[in-house]
């Protein structure tokens, strides 16, 4: 009873308050671009604009400003680096592919990832850039532009958001600054999307990272520092301690409520922000396996990012999910802001060496995106192709950063992720989106015909939740999701670490000709309502981060 009351105190519940939002048309987007440009002293480097937007004459002038022409040498050096190292990447892949057993053994799969990384780093150091030194790519002229843009960001209207997101990135374990040098392996947090959009777009596998006030150009595949821009930030980004999630006792012993057992149903699970190695992750992983064996077998698991906070393939994945891995349950991962992009080469994540990919199961098309690069035009082009032949299949996208959220990253979702990704999702008639990033659970009312779930309670320390008008339900609790798609019906349920059902229900594919439940579905919905009858009908309290 005490445990139930404690769960009730943590509950946050609002009635359905669906709101109507309108997609900005091309003209509005152009005006917004002008306003943002006029509100800051910085301008963004020229990039290809997604097909869903257009740029006004004023915005075009901004993109062709003198500060951007100064960045042309930077762009040329970046392209030259990619061209120079591309043959080495192909060469480094050979020892990785030669590691036996990586398709079935997580240990062998990790050995293959490390072999690729080590081989490529050695090749770059000895063949491509043996005499590389600081400033080869960040020239003095381009360095001034980078500093100007970052300085303007810290005095812009988004300054508080930028500091907050940098601090969130800065809560992970980092390298020793004494070891920071060109061609070195150095662990550093990546730059969040709020700042990435202010800087010249980098082609994969390069990314911006940071340590202290220094901006780093990082080769993801080799895990090498390509160049260093010291004093890039006008102030040191805020830091915070590495958070540790609370553990729960006693472990779950409640009977588990399964999704419907339908003969043609596609059953899968979803977890987000799981890779901590903490007790909370182990408890959720153990409960997932108990659900798999005692309630209903799911065919695969979607991982919604932040899969490995500490780059620990064993402690943050192979050990927690060993029972599911041994049972041959596949995992499909998306990259989070705390993930190393090398994870795309890890066979148990089934990413096929790409940060975006697609796969079909029955009448469902699943598409994984890299929301660390929300403004990447190449990703929009790829997404249009990924859904081009989906026909009448369910269209499901999964990635890390949510478009709609009411947690610690609500402003980032509203101001950065949603404007970047929503037009492409609407254009491709996506039905359902799963995301993590917020360490809590939310079910969002349909937005432009799209259902959104935020599921980031897989093991990390929990976040605040302040429900928004677009929320149908939310709670800050460790959990995982199980879903079943049968023809045109999707059933969902969210299970807490106690085994309690936090949320459950169903909805139809919008284009479905028939929208009626059969007897099995009706009986399940009756049981679903009983399973969540413990929830109070009013807002209670919030969890602390």
Protein backbone atom coordinates (compact mmCIF):
# COMPACT_ATOMS: atom_id res chain seq x y z
CA UNK A 1 0.00 0.00 0.00
CA UNK A 2 2.84 2.42 0.85
CA UNK A 3 4.42 1.66 -2.50
CA UNK A 4 1.13 2.40 -4.26
CA UNK A 5 0.76 5.71 -2.43
CA UNK A 6 4.30 6.65 -3.31
CA UNK A 7 3.59 5.96 -6.97
CA UNK A 8 0.41 8.03 -6.73
CA UNK A 9 2.32 10.96 -5.31
CA UNK A 10 4.68 10.78 -8.30
CA UNK A 11 1.86 10.73 -10.79
CA UNK A 12 1.09 13.57 -13.13
CA UNK A 13 -2.15 13.31 -15.03
CA UNK A 14 -4.13 15.78 -17.10
CA UNK A 15 -7.33 15.31 -19.10
CA UNK A 16 -7.01 15.17 -22.84
CA UNK A 17 -6.45 18.69 -24.06
CA UNK A 18 -5.80 18.35 -27.73
CA UNK A 19 -4.73 21.60 -29.26
CA UNK A 20 -4.52 22.69 -32.82
CA UNK A 21 -1.12 23.78 -34.10
CA UNK A 22 -0.48 25.08 -37.58
CA UNK A 23 2.55 24.32 -39.65
CA UNK A 24 4.39 27.47 -40.63
CA UNK A 25 4.12 28.07 -44.32
CA UNK A 26 7.10 28.91 -46.47
CA UNK A 27 6.56 32.66 -46.12
CA UNK A 28 6.36 32.44 -42.32
CA UNK A 29 9.49 30.37 -42.18
CA UNK A 30 11.27 32.96 -44.28
CA UNK A 31 10.10 35.76 -41.99
CA UNK A 32 11.21 33.76 -38.95
CA UNK A 33 14.65 33.29 -40.46
CA UNK A 34 14.94 37.05 -40.97
CA UNK A 35 13.82 37.82 -37.42
CA UNK A 36 16.30 35.38 -35.92
CA UNK A 37 19.10 36.75 -38.07
CA UNK A 38 18.25 40.32 -37.11
CA UNK A 39 18.07 39.44 -33.43
CA UNK A 40 21.66 38.22 -33.33
CA UNK A 41 25.01 39.57 -34.38
CA UNK A 42 25.98 36.18 -35.78
CA UNK A 43 25.01 34.64 -39.12
CA UNK A 44 24.90 31.03 -40.09
CA UNK A 45 27.12 29.40 -42.67
CA UNK A 46 25.41 28.60 -45.95
CA UNK A 47 23.79 25.18 -46.02
CA UNK A 48 21.30 23.45 -48.26
CA UNK A 49 17.76 24.34 -47.21
CA UNK A 50 15.26 21.48 -46.71
CA UNK A 51 12.72 21.20 -49.49
CA UNK A 52 9.94 22.16 -47.06
CA UNK A 53 11.30 25.69 -46.57
CA UNK A 54 12.33 28.67 -48.68
CA UNK A 55 14.59 31.59 -47.89
CA UNK A 56 13.66 35.24 -48.35
CA UNK A 57 15.91 37.75 -50.12
CA UNK A 58 16.99 39.22 -46.78
CA UNK A 59 17.84 35.79 -45.37
CA UNK A 60 19.74 34.97 -48.56
CA UNK A 61 21.80 38.11 -48.07
CA UNK A 62 22.61 36.97 -44.55
CA UNK A 63 23.81 33.60 -45.85
CA UNK A 64 26.13 35.38 -48.30
CA UNK A 65 27.53 37.84 -45.79
CA UNK A 66 31.31 38.44 -45.59
CA UNK A 67 31.58 36.31 -42.44
CA UNK A 68 30.37 33.32 -44.46
CA UNK A 69 32.90 33.90 -47.24
CA UNK A 70 35.58 33.86 -44.55
CA UNK A 71 34.40 30.35 -43.69
CA UNK A 72 34.97 29.05 -47.23
CA UNK A 73 38.53 27.92 -46.38
CA UNK A 74 37.15 26.08 -43.36
CA UNK A 75 34.63 24.28 -45.56
CA UNK A 76 37.36 23.39 -48.07
CA UNK A 77 39.63 22.01 -45.36
CA UNK A 78 36.78 19.91 -43.97
CA UNK A 79 35.98 18.48 -47.39
CA UNK A 80 39.65 17.81 -48.05
CA UNK A 81 39.93 15.95 -44.76
CA UNK A 82 36.95 13.74 -45.62
CA UNK A 83 38.31 12.99 -49.11
CA UNK A 84 41.77 12.26 -47.73
CA UNK A 85 40.55 9.89 -45.03
CA UNK A 86 37.75 8.10 -46.89
CA UNK A 87 40.04 5.36 -48.33
CA UNK A 88 41.45 4.86 -44.84
CA UNK A 89 37.95 4.29 -43.45
CA UNK A 90 37.40 1.55 -45.97
CA UNK A 91 40.76 0.05 -45.07
CA UNK A 92 40.01 0.20 -41.33
CA UNK A 93 36.69 -1.60 -41.84
CA UNK A 94 38.48 -4.73 -43.00
CA UNK A 95 39.98 -5.80 -39.63
CA UNK A 96 36.65 -5.00 -38.00
CA UNK A 97 34.70 -7.24 -40.36
CA UNK A 98 37.27 -9.97 -39.82
CA UNK A 99 36.42 -10.30 -36.11
CA UNK A 100 34.55 -13.63 -35.81
CA UNK A 101 31.22 -14.01 -34.05
CA UNK A 102 30.25 -10.36 -33.90
CA UNK A 103 26.77 -11.05 -35.24
CA UNK A 104 25.98 -13.30 -32.27
CA UNK A 105 28.34 -12.27 -29.48
CA UNK A 106 28.15 -8.78 -27.91
CA UNK A 107 31.78 -9.12 -26.78
CA UNK A 108 32.93 -9.89 -30.32
CA UNK A 109 30.77 -7.08 -31.68
CA UNK A 110 32.44 -4.62 -29.31
CA UNK A 111 35.87 -5.98 -30.27
CA UNK A 112 35.02 -5.26 -33.92
CA UNK A 113 34.00 -1.67 -33.12
CA UNK A 114 37.23 -1.11 -31.19
CA UNK A 115 39.29 -2.72 -33.96
CA UNK A 116 37.80 -0.36 -36.54
CA UNK A 117 38.38 2.66 -34.31
CA UNK A 118 41.97 1.71 -33.45
CA UNK A 119 42.93 0.88 -37.03
CA UNK A 120 41.50 4.10 -38.44
CA UNK A 121 43.13 6.23 -35.76
CA UNK A 122 46.51 4.68 -36.53
CA UNK A 123 46.06 5.18 -40.27
CA UNK A 124 45.11 8.84 -39.87
CA UNK A 125 48.04 9.51 -37.55
CA UNK A 126 50.61 7.81 -39.81
CA UNK A 127 49.29 8.24 -43.35
CA UNK A 128 46.88 11.16 -43.56
CA UNK A 129 48.00 13.67 -40.93
CA UNK A 130 51.36 12.75 -39.38
CA UNK A 131 52.34 16.42 -39.08
CA UNK A 132 48.92 17.85 -38.22
CA UNK A 133 48.89 20.75 -35.80
CA UNK A 134 46.38 23.08 -34.21
CA UNK A 135 44.88 25.60 -36.64
CA UNK A 136 45.11 23.44 -39.78
CA UNK A 137 41.33 23.61 -40.17
CA UNK A 138 40.34 26.35 -37.73
CA UNK A 139 42.30 29.12 -39.45
CA UNK A 140 42.70 32.42 -37.64
CA UNK A 141 40.06 34.09 -39.82
CA UNK A 142 37.47 31.36 -39.42
CA UNK A 143 38.29 31.13 -35.72
CA UNK A 144 37.19 34.74 -35.30
CA UNK A 145 33.83 33.98 -36.91
CA UNK A 146 33.27 30.94 -34.70
CA UNK A 147 34.04 32.98 -31.59
CA UNK A 148 31.75 35.81 -32.73
CA UNK A 149 28.86 33.42 -33.26
CA UNK A 150 29.33 31.66 -29.95
CA UNK A 151 29.68 34.97 -28.15
CA UNK A 152 26.46 36.22 -29.73
CA UNK A 153 24.70 32.98 -28.73
CA UNK A 154 25.54 33.59 -25.08
CA UNK A 155 23.94 37.03 -25.19
CA UNK A 156 20.95 36.13 -27.39
CA UNK A 157 17.40 35.46 -26.25
CA UNK A 158 18.30 31.74 -26.28
CA UNK A 159 21.24 32.18 -23.89
CA UNK A 160 19.52 30.45 -20.95
CA UNK A 161 18.52 27.53 -23.16
CA UNK A 162 22.05 27.21 -24.54
CA UNK A 163 23.60 27.20 -21.07
CA UNK A 164 21.08 24.61 -19.89
CA UNK A 165 21.66 22.24 -22.80
CA UNK A 166 25.45 22.59 -22.52
CA UNK A 167 25.21 21.79 -18.82
CA UNK A 168 23.11 18.70 -19.57
CA UNK A 169 25.75 17.54 -22.04
CA UNK A 170 28.44 18.36 -19.53
CA UNK A 171 27.19 15.85 -16.95
CA UNK A 172 29.03 12.94 -18.56
CA UNK A 173 32.51 11.67 -17.85
CA UNK A 174 35.17 13.60 -19.75
CA UNK A 175 38.82 13.31 -20.73
CA UNK A 176 41.72 14.88 -18.87
CA UNK A 177 42.45 18.32 -20.42
CA UNK A 178 46.16 17.57 -20.03
CA UNK A 179 45.76 14.88 -22.70
CA UNK A 180 44.02 17.15 -25.21
CA UNK A 181 46.02 17.45 -28.44
CA UNK A 182 45.65 16.97 -32.18
CA UNK A 183 45.39 13.31 -33.29
CA UNK A 184 44.64 12.23 -29.71
CA UNK A 185 41.73 10.15 -28.47
CA UNK A 186 39.77 12.37 -26.12
CA UNK A 187 36.33 11.93 -24.57
CA UNK A 188 34.29 15.11 -24.83
CA UNK A 189 30.55 15.86 -24.89
CA UNK A 190 29.01 16.77 -28.22
CA UNK A 191 27.63 20.21 -28.99
CA UNK A 192 23.82 20.33 -28.59
CA UNK A 193 21.56 21.18 -31.55
CA UNK A 194 20.99 24.75 -30.29
CA UNK A 195 24.62 25.57 -31.06
CA UNK A 196 25.13 23.20 -33.99
CA UNK A 197 22.60 25.20 -36.01
CA UNK A 198 24.75 28.35 -35.55
CA UNK A 199 27.90 26.74 -36.94
CA UNK A 200 28.88 25.48 -40.40
CA UNK A 201 27.27 22.11 -41.02
CA UNK A 202 29.76 19.25 -40.85
CA UNK A 203 29.58 16.13 -43.01
CA UNK A 204 29.63 12.81 -41.17
CA UNK A 205 31.77 11.47 -39.60
CA UNK A 206 32.89 14.84 -38.21
CA UNK A 207 31.15 16.51 -35.29
CA UNK A 208 31.66 19.40 -32.89
CA UNK A 209 32.47 18.58 -29.27
CA UNK A 210 33.72 20.75 -26.43
CA UNK A 211 35.80 20.77 -23.28
CA UNK A 212 35.91 23.81 -21.08
CA UNK A 213 35.86 26.84 -23.38
CA UNK A 214 37.48 24.96 -26.26
CA UNK A 215 35.55 23.87 -29.36
CA UNK A 216 36.81 20.59 -30.81
CA UNK A 217 36.53 19.13 -34.29
CA UNK A 218 36.10 15.41 -33.68
CA UNK A 219 36.42 12.45 -36.06
CA UNK A 220 33.71 10.13 -34.81
CA UNK A 221 34.88 6.94 -36.53
CA UNK A 222 38.47 7.26 -35.30
CA UNK A 223 37.57 9.01 -32.05
CA UNK A 224 40.35 11.51 -32.80
CA UNK A 225 40.68 15.24 -32.25
CA UNK A 226 41.08 16.78 -35.72
CA UNK A 227 41.47 20.39 -34.60
CA UNK A 228 41.08 22.56 -31.50
CA UNK A 229 39.72 26.09 -31.23
CA UNK A 230 40.74 27.40 -27.78
CA UNK A 231 38.67 30.07 -26.03
CA UNK A 232 35.84 29.50 -28.49
CA UNK A 233 33.16 30.04 -25.84
CA UNK A 234 32.96 33.43 -24.10
CA UNK A 235 32.55 31.58 -20.81
CA UNK A 236 33.08 28.02 -19.60
CA UNK A 237 29.90 25.96 -20.15
CA UNK A 238 28.25 25.05 -16.84
CA UNK A 239 29.08 21.64 -15.41
CA UNK A 240 27.09 19.26 -13.26
CA UNK A 241 27.94 16.00 -11.51
CA UNK A 242 27.38 12.68 -13.27
CA UNK A 243 23.82 11.79 -12.16
CA UNK A 244 23.04 8.42 -10.65
CA UNK A 245 19.50 7.12 -10.77
CA UNK A 246 17.79 6.03 -7.59
CA UNK A 247 17.24 2.31 -7.16
CA UNK A 248 13.90 0.80 -6.22
CA UNK A 249 13.07 -1.76 -3.59
CA UNK A 250 11.43 -4.16 -3.48
CA UNK A 251 11.71 -5.39 -7.04
CA UNK A 252 8.50 -5.93 -8.97
CA UNK A 253 6.38 -8.91 -7.97
CA UNK A 254 3.04 -7.70 -9.34
CA UNK A 255 1.26 -9.78 -11.99
CA UNK A 256 1.96 -8.35 -15.44
CA UNK A 257 -0.79 -7.19 -17.79
CA UNK A 258 0.00 -8.27 -21.38
CA UNK A 259 -0.96 -6.61 -24.64
CA UNK A 260 -3.63 -8.52 -26.59
CA UNK A 261 -2.64 -11.92 -27.92
CA UNK A 262 -3.65 -11.48 -31.55
CA UNK A 263 -2.58 -14.05 -34.15
CA UNK A 264 -1.23 -11.50 -36.66
CA UNK A 265 -0.03 -8.91 -34.16
CA UNK A 266 3.44 -7.36 -34.30
CA UNK A 267 4.63 -6.99 -30.70
CA UNK A 268 7.65 -4.85 -29.77
CA UNK A 269 9.08 -3.00 -26.78
CA UNK A 270 10.64 0.46 -26.47
CA UNK A 271 13.14 1.93 -24.00
CA UNK A 272 14.94 5.24 -23.87
CA UNK A 273 17.84 6.77 -21.93
CA UNK A 274 18.68 3.37 -20.55
CA UNK A 275 22.46 3.09 -20.72
CA UNK A 276 23.61 3.87 -17.20
CA UNK A 277 24.64 0.57 -15.65
CA UNK A 278 22.78 1.76 -12.52
CA UNK A 279 20.42 -0.37 -10.46
CA UNK A 280 17.45 1.40 -12.04
CA UNK A 281 18.45 0.16 -15.49
CA UNK A 282 19.05 -3.37 -14.19
CA UNK A 283 15.61 -3.42 -12.58
CA UNK A 284 13.85 -2.30 -15.76
CA UNK A 285 15.86 -4.81 -17.82
CA UNK A 286 14.97 -7.61 -15.42
CA UNK A 287 11.29 -6.68 -15.55
CA UNK A 288 11.39 -6.59 -19.35
CA UNK A 289 12.62 -10.17 -19.38
CA UNK A 290 9.96 -11.21 -16.87
CA UNK A 291 7.33 -9.60 -19.11
CA UNK A 292 8.83 -11.43 -22.09
CA UNK A 293 8.62 -14.82 -20.35
CA UNK A 294 5.46 -14.43 -18.23
CA UNK A 295 3.20 -11.98 -20.09
CA UNK A 296 3.81 -11.67 -23.82
CA UNK A 297 6.86 -12.22 -26.01
CA UNK A 298 7.89 -9.15 -27.96
CA UNK A 299 9.76 -9.61 -31.24
CA UNK A 300 12.28 -6.74 -30.87
CA UNK A 301 13.15 -3.63 -28.86
CA UNK A 302 13.45 -0.04 -30.08
CA UNK A 303 16.22 1.89 -28.30
CA UNK A 304 15.43 5.60 -28.28
CA UNK A 305 18.92 6.95 -27.69
CA UNK A 306 21.41 7.55 -24.89
CA UNK A 307 22.10 3.85 -25.08
CA UNK A 308 25.65 4.07 -23.68
CA UNK A 309 26.41 7.13 -21.59
CA UNK A 310 29.91 5.96 -20.73
CA UNK A 311 30.74 4.12 -23.96
CA UNK A 312 30.49 0.88 -21.94
CA UNK A 313 29.05 -1.76 -24.28
CA UNK A 314 29.23 -4.46 -21.62
CA UNK A 315 28.09 -2.70 -18.45
CA UNK A 316 25.43 -0.54 -20.11
CA UNK A 317 24.01 -3.02 -22.61
CA UNK A 318 25.33 -6.59 -22.78
CA UNK A 319 24.97 -7.33 -19.06
CA UNK A 320 21.64 -5.58 -18.32
CA UNK A 321 19.91 -7.19 -21.32
CA UNK A 322 21.81 -10.49 -21.34
CA UNK A 323 18.69 -12.59 -20.85
CA UNK A 324 16.89 -10.92 -23.74
CA UNK A 325 20.00 -11.12 -25.92
CA UNK A 326 20.35 -14.82 -25.10
CA UNK A 327 16.69 -15.23 -26.07
CA UNK A 328 17.60 -13.81 -29.53
CA UNK A 329 15.54 -10.62 -29.12
CA UNK A 330 16.93 -8.01 -31.56
CA UNK A 331 17.54 -4.39 -30.50
CA UNK A 332 17.26 -1.48 -32.97
CA UNK A 333 19.02 1.66 -31.74
CA UNK A 334 18.84 5.37 -32.50
CA UNK A 335 21.65 7.71 -31.45
CA UNK A 336 21.20 10.04 -28.48
CA UNK A 337 23.09 13.15 -27.48
CA UNK A 338 25.25 11.16 -25.04
CA UNK A 339 26.03 8.35 -27.51
CA UNK A 340 29.23 7.93 -29.51
CA UNK A 341 28.44 7.61 -33.21
CA UNK A 342 30.67 4.52 -33.27
CA UNK A 343 27.64 2.68 -31.93
CA UNK A 344 26.30 2.50 -35.48
CA UNK A 345 28.95 -0.18 -36.15
CA UNK A 346 27.93 -2.30 -33.13
CA UNK A 347 26.14 -5.32 -34.59
CA UNK A 348 23.68 -5.89 -31.68
CA UNK A 349 22.25 -2.40 -32.33
CA UNK A 350 21.32 -3.42 -35.90
CA UNK A 351 22.11 0.01 -37.34
CA UNK A 352 23.91 -1.37 -40.42
CA UNK A 353 26.79 1.13 -40.04
CA UNK A 354 24.43 4.09 -40.52
CA UNK A 355 23.00 6.74 -38.21
CA UNK A 356 19.66 6.53 -40.05
CA UNK A 357 18.07 3.38 -41.40
CA UNK A 358 14.77 1.63 -42.03
CA UNK A 359 13.28 -1.84 -41.66
CA UNK A 360 9.90 -3.47 -42.20
CA UNK A 361 8.04 -5.88 -39.97
CA UNK A 362 4.74 -7.16 -41.37
CA UNK A 363 2.65 -4.09 -42.27
CA UNK A 364 4.89 -1.60 -40.45
CA UNK A 365 7.74 0.56 -41.78
CA UNK A 366 10.14 1.63 -39.01
CA UNK A 367 12.55 4.50 -39.68
CA UNK A 368 15.35 5.57 -37.32
CA UNK A 369 16.72 9.11 -37.56
CA UNK A 370 19.67 10.93 -36.01
CA UNK A 371 18.13 13.87 -34.16
CA UNK A 372 21.58 15.10 -33.16
CA UNK A 373 21.57 16.52 -36.70
CA UNK A 374 17.98 17.82 -36.91
CA UNK A 375 18.72 20.38 -39.66
CA UNK A 376 20.69 18.05 -41.93
CA UNK A 377 19.27 18.42 -45.48
CA UNK A 378 20.70 15.04 -46.48
CA UNK A 379 18.63 13.41 -43.74
CA UNK A 380 15.43 15.02 -45.06
CA UNK A 381 16.18 13.78 -48.56
CA UNK A 382 16.85 10.30 -47.22
CA UNK A 383 13.66 10.35 -45.12
CA UNK A 384 11.53 11.18 -48.15
CA UNK A 385 12.96 8.14 -49.90
CA UNK A 386 12.59 5.92 -46.83
CA UNK A 387 8.82 6.38 -46.79
CA UNK A 388 8.33 6.77 -50.55
CA UNK A 389 7.25 3.16 -51.10
CA UNK A 390 5.66 2.56 -47.68
CA UNK A 391 2.20 2.56 -49.23
CA UNK A 392 -0.50 1.61 -46.71
CA UNK A 393 1.94 0.38 -44.07
CA UNK A 394 2.06 1.91 -40.64
CA UNK A 395 4.70 4.66 -40.72
CA UNK A 396 6.68 4.82 -37.49
CA UNK A 397 9.71 7.02 -36.82
CA UNK A 398 11.97 6.77 -33.78
CA UNK A 399 14.82 8.99 -32.65
CA UNK A 400 16.11 10.65 -29.49
CA UNK A 401 14.99 14.30 -29.18
CA UNK A 402 11.20 14.77 -28.88
CA UNK A 403 9.26 17.36 -30.84
CA UNK A 404 6.75 17.80 -28.02
CA UNK A 405 7.81 17.48 -24.40
CA UNK A 406 7.07 18.89 -20.96
CA UNK A 407 10.28 18.00 -19.15
CA UNK A 408 13.64 19.66 -18.67
CA UNK A 409 14.15 20.00 -22.45
CA UNK A 410 10.73 21.46 -23.29
CA UNK A 411 12.14 24.66 -24.78
CA UNK A 412 14.64 22.76 -26.91
CA UNK A 413 11.80 20.59 -28.23
CA UNK A 414 9.65 23.60 -29.06
CA UNK A 415 12.26 25.96 -30.48
CA UNK A 416 14.81 23.66 -32.11
CA UNK A 417 13.67 20.10 -32.76
CA UNK A 418 10.04 20.70 -33.73
CA UNK A 419 10.70 23.40 -36.36
CA UNK A 420 13.46 21.27 -37.88
CA UNK A 421 11.73 17.88 -38.07
CA UNK A 422 7.97 18.40 -38.03
CA UNK A 423 7.51 19.49 -41.69
CA UNK A 424 9.31 16.36 -42.95
CA UNK A 425 7.29 14.06 -40.66
CA UNK A 426 4.02 15.64 -41.79
CA UNK A 427 5.07 15.52 -45.43
CA UNK A 428 5.79 11.81 -45.15
CA UNK A 429 2.47 11.10 -43.39
CA UNK A 430 4.14 9.53 -40.36
CA UNK A 431 1.64 7.97 -37.96
CA UNK A 432 3.64 7.47 -34.75
CA UNK A 433 6.87 8.90 -33.35
CA UNK A 434 8.82 7.48 -30.39
CA UNK A 435 11.50 9.60 -28.69
CA UNK A 436 13.44 9.70 -25.44
CA UNK A 437 15.76 12.44 -24.09
CA UNK A 438 13.31 13.47 -21.35
CA UNK A 439 13.71 11.04 -18.44
CA UNK A 440 9.99 10.47 -17.99
CA UNK A 441 6.92 9.30 -19.94
CA UNK A 442 4.49 11.35 -22.00
CA UNK A 443 1.65 10.54 -24.35
CA UNK A 444 0.95 13.53 -26.57
CA UNK A 445 -2.39 14.26 -28.23
CA UNK A 446 -2.28 13.89 -32.03
CA UNK A 447 -0.43 16.77 -33.65
CA UNK A 448 -1.13 17.22 -37.36
CA UNK A 449 -2.26 13.59 -37.43
CA UNK A 450 0.88 12.26 -35.71
CA UNK A 451 0.94 10.42 -32.37
CA UNK A 452 3.97 11.17 -30.17
CA UNK A 453 5.30 9.13 -27.25
CA UNK A 454 8.20 10.25 -25.05
CA UNK A 455 9.77 7.28 -23.30
CA UNK A 456 13.01 8.17 -21.53
CA UNK A 457 12.64 6.27 -18.26
CA UNK A 458 14.93 3.32 -19.02
CA UNK A 459 17.43 3.87 -16.22
CA UNK A 460 18.78 7.42 -15.99
CA UNK A 461 17.98 9.83 -13.14
CA UNK A 462 14.44 11.15 -13.61
CA UNK A 463 13.44 14.67 -14.71
CA UNK A 464 10.84 17.22 -13.71
CA UNK A 465 7.51 17.07 -15.53
CA UNK A 466 5.18 20.06 -15.97
CA UNK A 467 2.33 18.97 -18.19
CA UNK A 468 1.44 21.00 -21.29
CA UNK A 469 -1.83 21.51 -23.13
CA UNK A 470 -0.72 18.97 -25.74
CA UNK A 471 -0.25 16.19 -23.16
CA UNK A 472 -2.83 13.46 -22.75
CA UNK A 473 -0.88 11.80 -19.95
CA UNK A 474 2.52 12.06 -18.30
CA UNK A 475 4.46 10.71 -15.37
CA UNK A 476 8.08 10.90 -14.20
CA UNK A 477 8.84 7.26 -13.52
CA UNK A 478 11.21 4.54 -14.66
CA UNK A 479 9.45 2.38 -17.21
CA UNK A 480 9.43 0.60 -20.56
CA UNK A 481 6.75 0.32 -23.24
CA UNK A 482 5.22 -2.67 -25.02
CA UNK A 483 3.13 -2.20 -28.16
CA UNK A 484 1.17 -4.43 -30.48
CA UNK A 485 0.09 -3.57 -34.00
CA UNK A 486 -2.61 -5.73 -35.52
CA UNK A 487 -3.77 -4.68 -38.96
CA UNK A 488 -4.99 -1.08 -38.50
CA UNK A 489 -5.00 -1.04 -34.68
CA UNK A 490 -2.13 -0.14 -32.35
CA UNK A 491 -2.31 -1.13 -28.67
CA UNK A 492 0.16 0.39 -26.21
CA UNK A 493 1.03 0.04 -22.55
CA UNK A 494 3.66 1.55 -20.28
CA UNK A 495 4.96 -0.53 -17.38
CA UNK A 496 6.69 0.95 -14.33
CA UNK A 497 9.55 -0.65 -12.41
CA UNK A 498 6.89 -1.94 -9.97
CA UNK A 499 5.03 -3.78 -12.71
CA UNK A 500 2.14 -1.34 -12.45
CA UNK A 501 0.50 -0.19 -15.67
CA UNK A 502 1.16 3.54 -15.90
CA UNK A 503 -0.72 3.98 -19.15
CA UNK A 504 -2.48 1.87 -21.77
CA UNK A 505 -4.86 2.24 -24.67
CA UNK A 506 -5.21 1.96 -28.43
CA UNK A 507 -5.73 3.96 -31.59
CA UNK A 508 -6.33 3.27 -35.27
CA UNK A 509 -4.23 4.03 -38.29
CA UNK A 510 -5.83 7.25 -39.57
CA UNK A 511 -6.36 5.90 -43.10
CA UNK A 512 -8.06 2.72 -41.85
CA UNK A 513 -11.34 1.94 -43.62
CA UNK A 514 -12.79 0.18 -40.58
CA UNK A 515 -12.25 1.54 -37.09
CA UNK A 516 -13.93 -0.92 -34.78
CA UNK A 517 -12.53 -3.21 -32.10
CA UNK A 518 -13.23 -6.92 -32.17
CA UNK A 519 -14.18 -8.88 -29.05
CA UNK A 520 -10.52 -9.44 -28.08
CA UNK A 521 -9.79 -5.74 -28.36
CA UNK A 522 -12.89 -4.75 -26.38
CA UNK A 523 -12.04 -7.18 -23.59
CA UNK A 524 -8.48 -5.88 -23.49
CA UNK A 525 -9.65 -2.28 -23.23
CA UNK A 526 -11.91 -3.23 -20.31
CA UNK A 527 -8.90 -4.80 -18.59
CA UNK A 528 -6.77 -1.76 -19.47
CA UNK A 529 -9.20 0.60 -17.75
CA UNK A 530 -9.13 -1.59 -14.67
CA UNK A 531 -5.31 -1.70 -14.73
CA UNK A 532 -5.03 2.11 -14.56
CA UNK A 533 -7.94 2.64 -12.17
CA UNK A 534 -5.44 3.30 -9.37
CA UNK A 535 -4.41 6.61 -10.95
CA UNK A 536 -5.80 9.76 -9.30
CA UNK A 537 -7.56 12.14 -11.64
CA UNK A 538 -5.70 15.28 -10.58
CA UNK A 539 -2.17 16.58 -10.83
CA UNK A 540 -0.06 15.51 -7.86
CA UNK A 541 3.63 16.36 -7.68
CA UNK A 542 6.77 16.25 -9.78
CA UNK A 543 9.95 14.22 -9.65
CA UNK A 544 13.23 16.02 -9.12
CA UNK A 545 16.05 15.58 -11.54
